């Protein structure tokens, strides 16, 4: 009589090792996001062949650029381990400055942009300092101050939402705009250069290494004589300033603004960060991932709209995608838990 064959204990161990190796490679390099972009683009071209033309491609890239710019500051805050819920207020203020100040009052566009950077950056710096100094969750502080920014902006607007940004701003985000004679709007080049600058800052500077160290474990960073208070203040200031600037471009792209112009970018901006693979307090976070996440969401939104899905259905799809990505990346053991 022959005994039943038992499975070797090495087989499950080998499968577990292979899965761990796959996850490590996927987390290290955004290969999964790149594959998803290729798959969605192919699906879009196959199901809608008419979209494969320069005008449609430019439109997708412009929408992606606006979303990526709105999510740039959120990327830094998430890597730091926080969350900035004041982004809609910053975007609303930037849109107000573009339409009612630069457009209606004829204030030079450069001055309007500088005012936006100073005001939104100053408020963000205050938020970062308060959260670090008083050890308060950014979720609470940003939610309250974001509501205050929104209310103050609506008070300043006094019900006037009919103004539009000047031609100088609209040309930067217009689909008919050109960049050095090339047939694409300057906003695409602006976001690309911002991405390059962000990559150089995070990966090639001592300040970038201090930033990552603070996000991984701010107590250990403080013991290493890193001024964590300054890091928090600067990061939240950058988040506010970048979201405000994004608001001016969003209003310029739409040739106008409304009191809810910033609300869609809170969920979609955070989704772009998470879908790209940047997790709270993770050393793997980067703006390159956010760019890929923004492109994934834009392609997916185009597919959803082409198939006649409603806003509620699209939010369900986005939520499922976020949960899937977090289940893959969120289980990575943090550096602070390895020692």
Protein backbone atom coordinates (compact mmCIF):
# COMPACT_ATOMS: atom_id res chain seq x y z
CA UNK A 1 0.00 0.00 0.00
CA UNK A 2 1.35 3.41 -0.95
CA UNK A 3 1.08 6.30 1.41
CA UNK A 4 -0.68 9.51 0.19
CA UNK A 5 1.69 12.10 -1.13
CA UNK A 6 1.87 15.18 1.02
CA UNK A 7 2.65 18.62 -0.31
CA UNK A 8 6.15 19.76 0.37
CA UNK A 9 6.33 22.65 2.88
CA UNK A 10 8.69 24.34 0.46
CA UNK A 11 5.89 24.96 -2.07
CA UNK A 12 3.87 27.45 0.05
CA UNK A 13 7.10 29.07 1.16
CA UNK A 14 8.20 29.46 -2.47
CA UNK A 15 4.84 30.99 -3.43
CA UNK A 16 5.00 33.36 -0.47
CA UNK A 17 8.53 34.36 -1.43
CA UNK A 18 7.51 34.95 -5.05
CA UNK A 19 4.55 37.10 -3.96
CA UNK A 20 6.74 39.10 -1.57
CA UNK A 21 9.27 39.62 -4.37
CA UNK A 22 6.53 40.77 -6.74
CA UNK A 23 5.14 43.23 -4.17
CA UNK A 24 8.60 44.59 -3.44
CA UNK A 25 9.29 45.26 -7.11
CA UNK A 26 5.85 46.77 -7.63
CA UNK A 27 6.28 49.09 -4.66
CA UNK A 28 9.84 50.05 -5.59
CA UNK A 29 8.99 50.99 -9.19
CA UNK A 30 5.52 52.23 -10.33
CA UNK A 31 5.34 49.45 -12.91
CA UNK A 32 1.74 48.64 -12.01
CA UNK A 33 0.66 52.23 -12.64
CA UNK A 34 2.43 52.29 -16.00
CA UNK A 35 0.73 49.05 -17.03
CA UNK A 36 -2.66 50.45 -15.99
CA UNK A 37 -2.05 53.62 -18.04
CA UNK A 38 -1.17 51.55 -21.11
CA UNK A 39 -4.20 49.28 -20.62
CA UNK A 40 -6.64 52.19 -20.16
CA UNK A 41 -5.22 54.06 -23.15
CA UNK A 42 -5.52 50.95 -25.33
CA UNK A 43 -9.07 50.35 -24.10
CA UNK A 44 -10.00 53.95 -24.85
CA UNK A 45 -8.57 53.84 -28.37
CA UNK A 46 -10.22 50.49 -29.14
CA UNK A 47 -13.67 51.48 -27.86
CA UNK A 48 -13.47 55.09 -29.10
CA UNK A 49 -11.18 55.26 -32.17
CA UNK A 50 -12.18 58.88 -32.79
CA UNK A 51 -10.36 59.96 -29.64
CA UNK A 52 -6.97 59.21 -31.19
CA UNK A 53 -6.48 62.72 -32.56
CA UNK A 54 -4.22 65.59 -31.41
CA UNK A 55 -7.08 67.70 -30.01
CA UNK A 56 -8.46 64.93 -27.80
CA UNK A 57 -5.00 63.89 -26.61
CA UNK A 58 -4.20 67.50 -25.74
CA UNK A 59 -7.46 67.78 -23.80
CA UNK A 60 -6.62 64.65 -21.77
CA UNK A 61 -3.12 65.95 -21.03
CA UNK A 62 -4.43 69.37 -19.95
CA UNK A 63 -6.99 67.86 -17.57
CA UNK A 64 -4.30 65.55 -16.22
CA UNK A 65 -1.94 68.49 -15.73
CA UNK A 66 -4.54 70.50 -13.79
CA UNK A 67 -5.29 67.53 -11.53
CA UNK A 68 -1.59 66.80 -11.01
CA UNK A 69 -0.90 70.45 -10.15
CA UNK A 70 -3.79 70.50 -7.66
CA UNK A 71 -2.42 67.29 -6.09
CA UNK A 72 1.24 68.39 -5.94
CA UNK A 73 1.03 69.91 -2.47
CA UNK A 74 -1.16 67.05 -1.26
CA UNK A 75 1.60 64.65 -2.33
CA UNK A 76 4.09 66.36 -0.03
CA UNK A 77 1.63 66.41 2.87
CA UNK A 78 0.77 62.72 2.45
CA UNK A 79 4.45 61.72 2.35
CA UNK A 80 4.88 63.74 5.53
CA UNK A 81 2.10 61.65 7.10
CA UNK A 82 -0.69 64.23 7.09
CA UNK A 83 -3.70 65.26 5.04
CA UNK A 84 -4.64 68.70 3.72
CA UNK A 85 -8.42 69.15 3.56
CA UNK A 86 -8.07 72.90 2.97
CA UNK A 87 -7.21 72.32 -0.71
CA UNK A 88 -10.73 73.26 -1.99
CA UNK A 89 -10.49 76.59 -0.15
CA UNK A 90 -7.08 77.34 -1.65
CA UNK A 91 -8.30 76.48 -5.15
CA UNK A 92 -11.39 78.64 -4.69
CA UNK A 93 -9.25 81.60 -3.59
CA UNK A 94 -6.91 81.15 -6.55
CA UNK A 95 -9.88 81.05 -8.93
CA UNK A 96 -11.27 84.20 -7.31
CA UNK A 97 -7.94 86.00 -7.76
CA UNK A 98 -7.77 84.96 -11.42
CA UNK A 99 -11.33 85.93 -12.32
CA UNK A 100 -12.39 88.79 -10.05
CA UNK A 101 -9.03 90.42 -9.32
CA UNK A 102 -6.92 89.82 -12.44
CA UNK A 103 -9.95 89.71 -14.74
CA UNK A 104 -12.51 92.15 -13.38
CA UNK A 105 -10.17 94.62 -11.63
CA UNK A 106 -7.46 94.34 -14.32
CA UNK A 107 -4.71 93.69 -11.77
CA UNK A 108 -1.63 92.27 -13.57
CA UNK A 109 -1.73 88.47 -13.67
CA UNK A 110 1.72 88.20 -12.10
CA UNK A 111 0.60 90.32 -9.14
CA UNK A 112 -2.56 88.21 -8.72
CA UNK A 113 -0.44 85.04 -8.73
CA UNK A 114 1.96 86.49 -6.17
CA UNK A 115 -0.91 87.49 -3.88
CA UNK A 116 -2.33 83.97 -4.20
CA UNK A 117 1.01 82.40 -3.31
CA UNK A 118 1.55 84.70 -0.33
CA UNK A 119 -1.98 84.36 1.12
CA UNK A 120 -2.42 80.60 0.57
CA UNK A 121 1.20 79.86 1.46
CA UNK A 122 0.94 81.95 4.63
CA UNK A 123 -2.22 80.18 5.74
CA UNK A 124 -0.63 76.82 5.00
CA UNK A 125 2.47 77.74 7.01
CA UNK A 126 0.25 78.65 9.96
CA UNK A 127 -1.52 75.29 9.69
CA UNK A 128 1.76 73.39 9.62
CA UNK A 129 3.14 75.27 12.60
CA UNK A 130 -0.05 74.77 14.65
CA UNK A 131 -0.25 71.04 13.87
CA UNK A 132 3.39 70.44 14.81
CA UNK A 133 3.52 72.77 17.79
CA UNK A 134 0.28 71.60 19.41
CA UNK A 135 0.46 68.01 18.11
CA UNK A 136 -2.94 68.36 16.48
CA UNK A 137 -4.14 66.18 13.63
CA UNK A 138 -3.93 68.11 10.31
CA UNK A 139 -7.27 66.54 9.38
CA UNK A 140 -9.05 68.71 11.95
CA UNK A 141 -7.12 71.95 11.47
CA UNK A 142 -7.18 71.92 7.67
CA UNK A 143 -10.89 71.11 7.59
CA UNK A 144 -11.73 74.09 9.81
CA UNK A 145 -9.38 76.58 8.16
CA UNK A 146 -10.42 75.37 4.70
CA UNK A 147 -14.04 76.18 5.54
CA UNK A 148 -12.94 79.62 6.79
CA UNK A 149 -11.01 80.30 3.56
CA UNK A 150 -14.05 79.30 1.50
CA UNK A 151 -16.35 81.57 3.51
CA UNK A 152 -13.95 84.52 3.33
CA UNK A 153 -13.53 84.13 -0.44
CA UNK A 154 -17.29 84.01 -1.01
CA UNK A 155 -17.64 87.12 1.15
CA UNK A 156 -15.05 88.94 -0.95
CA UNK A 157 -16.73 87.81 -4.18
CA UNK A 158 -20.06 89.25 -2.99
CA UNK A 159 -22.01 86.94 -5.30
CA UNK A 160 -20.13 87.91 -8.47
CA UNK A 161 -19.25 84.70 -10.34
CA UNK A 162 -19.62 86.12 -13.84
CA UNK A 163 -16.06 87.44 -14.19
CA UNK A 164 -13.45 85.55 -16.20
CA UNK A 165 -9.64 85.41 -16.04
CA UNK A 166 -7.73 87.68 -18.44
CA UNK A 167 -6.47 86.43 -21.80
CA UNK A 168 -2.90 86.21 -20.46
CA UNK A 169 -3.97 83.51 -17.99
CA UNK A 170 -6.45 81.77 -20.25
CA UNK A 171 -3.82 81.31 -22.93
CA UNK A 172 -1.74 79.23 -20.51
CA UNK A 173 -4.44 76.57 -20.16
CA UNK A 174 -6.39 76.95 -23.39
CA UNK A 175 -6.58 73.92 -25.68
CA UNK A 176 -5.69 76.23 -28.56
CA UNK A 177 -2.60 77.57 -26.77
CA UNK A 178 0.90 77.03 -28.07
CA UNK A 179 4.26 76.63 -26.36
CA UNK A 180 7.26 77.99 -28.25
CA UNK A 181 5.32 77.44 -31.46
CA UNK A 182 4.41 73.84 -30.61
CA UNK A 183 0.70 72.90 -30.64
CA UNK A 184 0.12 72.28 -26.94
CA UNK A 185 -0.77 74.70 -24.10
CA UNK A 186 1.93 75.90 -21.68
CA UNK A 187 0.24 74.28 -18.65
CA UNK A 188 1.51 70.88 -19.82
CA UNK A 189 5.12 72.13 -19.90
CA UNK A 190 4.66 73.96 -16.57
CA UNK A 191 3.51 70.79 -14.79
CA UNK A 192 6.26 68.74 -16.44
CA UNK A 193 8.92 71.19 -15.21
CA UNK A 194 7.34 71.17 -11.75
CA UNK A 195 7.58 67.39 -11.78
CA UNK A 196 11.26 67.51 -12.72
CA UNK A 197 11.95 70.09 -10.04
CA UNK A 198 10.07 68.05 -7.44
CA UNK A 199 12.01 64.90 -8.38
CA UNK A 200 15.33 66.73 -8.08
CA UNK A 201 14.34 68.19 -4.72
CA UNK A 202 13.18 64.89 -3.23
CA UNK A 203 15.95 62.67 -4.58
CA UNK A 204 19.01 64.87 -5.03
CA UNK A 205 19.04 67.34 -2.14
CA UNK A 206 19.74 67.17 1.58
CA UNK A 207 16.47 68.99 2.22
CA UNK A 208 14.61 66.20 0.42
CA UNK A 209 16.28 63.58 2.60
CA UNK A 210 15.36 65.54 5.73
CA UNK A 211 11.78 65.74 4.44
CA UNK A 212 11.54 61.97 3.97
CA UNK A 213 13.14 61.38 7.38
CA UNK A 214 10.55 63.62 9.03
CA UNK A 215 7.69 61.78 7.33
CA UNK A 216 9.02 58.35 8.28
CA UNK A 217 9.53 59.15 11.96
CA UNK A 218 9.57 62.76 13.11
CA UNK A 219 10.79 61.82 16.62
CA UNK A 220 13.85 60.08 15.21
CA UNK A 221 14.32 62.99 12.80
CA UNK A 222 14.24 65.41 15.73
CA UNK A 223 16.90 63.34 17.51
CA UNK A 224 18.96 63.60 14.33
CA UNK A 225 18.77 67.39 14.74
CA UNK A 226 16.36 67.94 11.88
CA UNK A 227 14.13 70.97 12.44
CA UNK A 228 10.88 69.08 12.08
CA UNK A 229 8.84 72.17 12.92
CA UNK A 230 10.35 74.00 9.93
CA UNK A 231 9.71 70.98 7.69
CA UNK A 232 6.03 70.85 8.65
CA UNK A 233 5.63 74.60 8.23
CA UNK A 234 7.29 74.69 4.82
CA UNK A 235 5.45 71.62 3.49
CA UNK A 236 2.00 72.92 4.42
CA UNK A 237 2.95 76.35 3.07
CA UNK A 238 3.93 74.74 -0.23
CA UNK A 239 0.67 72.77 -0.25
CA UNK A 240 -1.39 75.93 0.15
CA UNK A 241 0.57 77.94 -2.42
CA UNK A 242 0.51 75.18 -5.05
CA UNK A 243 -3.23 74.57 -4.59
CA UNK A 244 -3.90 78.31 -4.90
CA UNK A 245 -1.88 78.51 -8.13
CA UNK A 246 -3.72 75.44 -9.41
CA UNK A 247 -6.97 77.32 -8.77
CA UNK A 248 -5.91 80.15 -11.07
CA UNK A 249 -5.19 77.69 -13.88
CA UNK A 250 -8.40 75.73 -13.28
CA UNK A 251 -10.43 78.95 -13.57
CA UNK A 252 -8.43 79.90 -16.68
CA UNK A 253 -9.14 76.55 -18.31
CA UNK A 254 -12.86 76.86 -17.65
CA UNK A 255 -12.90 80.61 -18.47
CA UNK A 256 -14.72 81.28 -15.21
CA UNK A 257 -15.33 80.06 -11.69
CA UNK A 258 -18.04 79.07 -9.22
CA UNK A 259 -18.31 78.65 -5.47
CA UNK A 260 -17.80 74.87 -5.78
CA UNK A 261 -14.88 74.93 -8.21
CA UNK A 262 -12.43 73.44 -5.71
CA UNK A 263 -14.57 70.67 -4.22
CA UNK A 264 -14.03 68.00 -6.92
CA UNK A 265 -10.26 68.34 -6.55
CA UNK A 266 -10.22 67.28 -2.90
CA UNK A 267 -11.34 63.73 -3.62
CA UNK A 268 -9.73 63.40 -7.06
CA UNK A 269 -6.46 65.00 -5.88
CA UNK A 270 -6.16 62.63 -2.94
CA UNK A 271 -7.15 59.74 -5.20
CA UNK A 272 -4.38 60.67 -7.65
CA UNK A 273 -1.83 60.58 -4.82
CA UNK A 274 -3.00 57.22 -3.46
CA UNK A 275 -3.55 55.57 -6.84
CA UNK A 276 -0.03 56.65 -7.77
CA UNK A 277 1.24 54.65 -4.81
CA UNK A 278 2.25 57.36 -2.33
CA UNK A 279 1.22 56.21 1.15
CA UNK A 280 1.15 58.21 4.38
CA UNK A 281 4.64 58.51 5.84
CA UNK A 282 6.20 56.27 3.18
CA UNK A 283 9.64 56.61 1.65
CA UNK A 284 8.19 55.35 -1.66
CA UNK A 285 6.09 58.46 -2.23
CA UNK A 286 6.97 60.75 -5.12
CA UNK A 287 5.37 63.27 -7.45
CA UNK A 288 6.11 61.02 -10.44
CA UNK A 289 3.64 58.55 -8.96
CA UNK A 290 1.06 61.31 -8.55
CA UNK A 291 1.44 62.24 -12.23
CA UNK A 292 0.74 58.64 -13.18
CA UNK A 293 -2.20 58.53 -10.77
CA UNK A 294 -3.66 61.71 -12.29
CA UNK A 295 -3.31 60.25 -15.79
CA UNK A 296 -5.00 57.01 -14.68
CA UNK A 297 -7.95 58.90 -13.19
CA UNK A 298 -8.31 61.13 -16.26
CA UNK A 299 -8.32 58.16 -18.64
CA UNK A 300 -10.72 56.31 -16.38
CA UNK A 301 -13.03 59.32 -16.15
CA UNK A 302 -13.04 59.58 -19.94
CA UNK A 303 -14.01 55.91 -20.22
CA UNK A 304 -16.71 56.31 -17.55
CA UNK A 305 -18.22 59.35 -19.28
CA UNK A 306 -18.13 57.62 -22.67
CA UNK A 307 -20.08 54.69 -21.20
CA UNK A 308 -22.74 56.94 -19.70
CA UNK A 309 -22.02 56.31 -16.02
CA UNK A 310 -23.28 58.84 -13.50
CA UNK A 311 -21.21 60.84 -11.01
CA UNK A 312 -22.29 58.50 -8.20
CA UNK A 313 -21.20 55.43 -10.17
CA UNK A 314 -17.86 57.01 -11.03
CA UNK A 315 -17.21 57.73 -7.35
CA UNK A 316 -17.91 54.07 -6.56
CA UNK A 317 -15.36 53.05 -9.19
CA UNK A 318 -12.78 55.48 -7.79
CA UNK A 319 -13.40 54.21 -4.26
CA UNK A 320 -12.88 50.59 -5.30
CA UNK A 321 -9.65 51.53 -7.07
CA UNK A 322 -8.34 53.39 -4.02
CA UNK A 323 -9.13 50.42 -1.74
CA UNK A 324 -7.37 48.06 -4.15
CA UNK A 325 -4.24 50.20 -4.34
CA UNK A 326 -4.11 50.78 -0.58
CA UNK A 327 -4.46 47.02 0.00
CA UNK A 328 -1.32 46.57 -2.12
CA UNK A 329 0.78 49.49 -0.88
CA UNK A 330 -0.64 50.12 2.57
CA UNK A 331 0.60 46.81 3.95
CA UNK A 332 4.23 47.74 3.36
CA UNK A 333 6.02 47.80 6.68
CA UNK A 334 7.14 51.32 7.54
CA UNK A 335 10.79 51.99 8.12
CA UNK A 336 10.04 53.09 11.68
CA UNK A 337 8.63 49.60 12.38
CA UNK A 338 11.72 47.76 11.14
CA UNK A 339 13.96 48.65 14.05
